[in-house]
Amino acid sequence: QVQLVESGGGLVQPGGSLRLSCAASGSIFGITFVAWYRQAPGKQRELVATYSSRGSSDYIGTVKGRFIISRDNAKNTVFLQMNSLKPEDTAVYYCRLGEQWGQGTQVTVSS
């Protein structure tokens, strides 16, 4: 059972970029379900992006074209590149690999 540590969150101005990382304590090679979720204050956690074992990705409509999910099996790390950030992207972001969840990292988009 791998442990996940997220990093890369912070405060950014609208239009800016951040790259979130989710580092696993062990190999992620065999993990087929890889995803990022987010939870804004007062809202339910929502699925933001998924990365399939075949290398295809999918996104919710509000981030499509701005966010990119990727994985590096050699580094046991999953990434979420977030561009053209908007205030409504403000949330705690969580990675999920299989049934394991990261602890969350805060992303705040504000001027």
Foldseek 3Di string as FASTA:
>chain_A
DWAWAKDWADEAAQQAKIKMKIAIPDFLLPFFWKFKWWDAPPGDIGTAKIAGNVGDMDGPPVQPPFWDWDDDRVRRMIMIIGGRDDQVVFTWMWIDTRHYIHPTDTHGYHD
